Amino acid sequence: MGRAEVRERLGVVFGSWVADPDSDVVAAELVEGRWAVRMAQQTRDFTTVWVTPGDLTVGFEAYVLPAPPRRLEEVYRQLLIRNIRSWRVHFAVGNDGGIYLCGRVDADRATEETLQYVFAELYELVELSFRPLIRTGFAR
């Protein structure tokens, strides 16, 4: 299965989610070969998940927070503790010091069911972690 075929299959799934009024996915668009999928959240307005289809894998990345100015050691400890329970996605620190959620699945296993699990995990990790990370890394 080629990258274009994977990208097209993802578009069908994301389009159905956007069309579903009960879905938390409110927008999906193809930007320079990867999908930008926007999910409504309760702890913050939205999370945008960048979905990058490849020949062998489909990658996921969501920006969570900028680099925390305070208590980095405690912030990183919280991220590592959350990563223990994570199955398909995990917290990572980018070159800019920002906090991201990243993951990857085999391209041939990027079915609607698998994507639902990935997006549910992304959603849950943001919901459970966003406010505690803000309190720890940004509170005075």
Protein backbone atom coordinates (compact mmCIF):
# COMPACT_ATOMS: atom_id res chain seq x y z
CA MET A 1 0.00 0.00 0.00
CA GLY A 2 1.44 3.36 -1.01
CA ARG A 3 1.49 6.67 0.79
CA ALA A 4 -1.19 8.20 -1.48
CA GLU A 5 -3.50 5.26 -0.82
CA VAL A 6 -2.98 5.58 2.95
CA ARG A 7 -3.56 9.35 2.78
CA GLU A 8 -6.81 8.77 0.87
CA ARG A 9 -8.02 6.13 3.36
CA LEU A 10 -7.29 8.50 6.25
CA GLY A 11 -9.26 11.22 4.49
CA VAL A 12 -12.32 8.99 4.27
CA VAL A 13 -12.14 8.22 8.01
CA PHE A 14 -11.54 11.83 9.04
CA GLY A 15 -14.29 13.06 6.74
CA SER A 16 -16.78 10.70 8.35
CA TRP A 17 -15.75 11.90 11.81
CA VAL A 18 -16.18 15.56 10.85
CA ALA A 19 -19.63 14.78 9.38
CA ASP A 20 -20.71 13.00 12.59
CA PRO A 21 -22.36 15.54 14.93
CA ASP A 22 -21.47 13.37 17.95
CA SER A 23 -17.77 13.33 17.12
CA ASP A 24 -15.21 15.51 18.90
CA VAL A 25 -13.40 15.92 15.56
CA VAL A 26 -14.55 19.26 14.17
CA ALA A 27 -12.19 19.73 11.19
CA ALA A 28 -9.74 17.83 9.04
CA GLU A 29 -7.74 19.13 6.11
CA LEU A 30 -4.83 17.97 4.06
CA VAL A 31 -1.86 20.35 4.43
CA GLU A 32 1.31 19.64 2.47
CA GLY A 33 0.80 15.88 2.42
CA ARG A 34 -0.32 15.38 6.01
CA TRP A 35 -3.65 15.69 7.77
CA ALA A 36 -4.43 18.39 10.34
CA VAL A 37 -7.26 16.97 12.47
CA ARG A 38 -8.82 19.28 15.05
CA MET A 39 -10.51 17.81 18.13
CA ALA A 40 -12.68 19.74 20.57
CA GLN A 41 -11.59 19.19 24.18
CA GLN A 42 -13.00 19.98 27.60
CA THR A 43 -9.80 21.13 29.37
CA ARG A 44 -8.84 23.43 26.49
CA ASP A 45 -10.65 24.51 23.37
CA PHE A 46 -8.98 22.29 20.78
CA THR A 47 -6.10 19.96 20.06
CA THR A 48 -4.76 19.68 16.53
CA VAL A 49 -3.32 16.30 15.64
CA TRP A 50 -0.93 16.18 12.69
CA VAL A 51 -1.24 12.83 10.96
CA THR A 52 1.61 11.95 8.61
CA PRO A 53 1.01 9.00 6.27
CA GLY A 54 4.07 7.13 5.09
CA ASP A 55 4.70 4.01 3.06
CA LEU A 56 5.17 1.86 6.17
CA THR A 57 3.76 3.87 9.09
CA VAL A 58 1.31 6.60 9.98
CA GLY A 59 2.67 9.11 12.48
CA PHE A 60 0.74 11.28 14.93
CA GLU A 61 1.86 14.46 16.65
CA ALA A 62 -0.07 16.89 18.84
CA TYR A 63 1.31 20.01 20.51
CA VAL A 64 0.40 20.13 24.19
CA LEU A 65 2.32 22.99 25.84
CA PRO A 66 5.25 25.35 25.30
CA ALA A 67 8.43 24.81 27.28
CA PRO A 68 7.54 25.21 30.98
CA PRO A 69 9.54 27.98 32.68
CA ARG A 70 9.41 26.38 36.14
CA ARG A 71 9.84 23.01 37.86
CA LEU A 72 11.01 21.16 34.75
CA GLU A 73 12.08 18.11 36.72
CA GLU A 74 8.58 17.67 38.15
CA VAL A 75 6.95 18.29 34.76
CA TYR A 76 9.17 15.63 33.13
CA ARG A 77 8.43 13.23 35.99
CA GLN A 78 4.69 13.65 35.38
CA LEU A 79 5.19 13.01 31.65
CA LEU A 80 7.17 9.83 32.29
CA ILE A 81 4.56 8.54 34.72
CA ARG A 82 1.83 9.14 32.12
CA ASN A 83 3.93 7.36 29.47
CA ILE A 84 3.89 4.15 31.52
CA ARG A 85 0.16 3.72 30.86
CA SER A 86 0.24 4.93 27.26
CA TRP A 87 -0.17 2.34 24.58
CA ARG A 88 -0.17 4.00 21.16
CA VAL A 89 1.07 7.52 21.89
CA HIS A 90 3.56 9.00 24.32
CA PHE A 91 4.74 12.35 25.62
CA ALA A 92 7.89 13.81 24.11
CA VAL A 93 9.89 17.00 24.47
CA GLY A 94 10.67 18.77 21.22
CA ASN A 95 13.84 20.63 20.24
CA ASP A 96 12.06 23.83 21.29
CA GLY A 97 11.42 22.40 24.78
CA GLY A 98 7.70 22.18 24.05
CA ILE A 99 5.66 19.17 25.11
CA TYR A 100 4.11 16.99 22.43
CA LEU A 101 2.18 13.76 22.13
CA CYS A 102 3.61 11.45 19.45
CA GLY A 103 2.79 8.02 18.13
CA ARG A 104 3.00 5.70 15.18
CA VAL A 105 1.08 2.73 13.79
CA ASP A 106 1.74 0.43 10.85
CA ALA A 107 0.25 1.90 7.68
CA ASP A 108 -1.64 -1.29 6.88
CA ARG A 109 -3.19 -1.24 10.37
CA ALA A 110 -4.37 2.37 10.18
CA THR A 111 -8.01 1.32 10.05
CA GLU A 112 -10.87 3.38 11.43
CA GLU A 113 -10.90 1.21 14.56
CA THR A 114 -7.18 1.72 15.22
CA LEU A 115 -7.48 5.46 14.51
CA GLN A 116 -10.34 5.68 17.02
CA TYR A 117 -8.10 4.12 19.66
CA VAL A 118 -5.24 6.49 18.84
CA PHE A 119 -7.42 9.59 18.93
CA ALA A 120 -9.15 8.43 22.12
CA GLU A 121 -5.77 8.05 23.78
CA LEU A 122 -4.63 11.47 22.55
CA TYR A 123 -7.85 13.01 23.83
CA GLU A 124 -7.58 11.31 27.21
CA LEU A 125 -3.92 12.20 27.75
CA VAL A 126 -4.62 15.87 27.06
CA GLU A 127 -7.65 15.83 29.35
CA LEU A 128 -5.79 14.16 32.22
CA SER A 129 -2.49 16.01 31.88
CA PHE A 130 -3.08 19.53 30.60
CA ARG A 131 -4.17 21.26 33.83
CA PRO A 132 -1.69 19.45 36.13
CA LEU A 133 1.15 20.32 33.74
CA ILE A 134 0.06 23.97 33.66
CA ARG A 135 -0.10 24.08 37.46
CA THR A 136 3.31 22.47 37.81
CA GLY A 137 5.26 24.21 35.08
CA PHE A 138 3.62 27.62 34.85
CA ALA A 139 2.25 28.51 38.30
CA ARG A 140 4.09 31.14 40.30
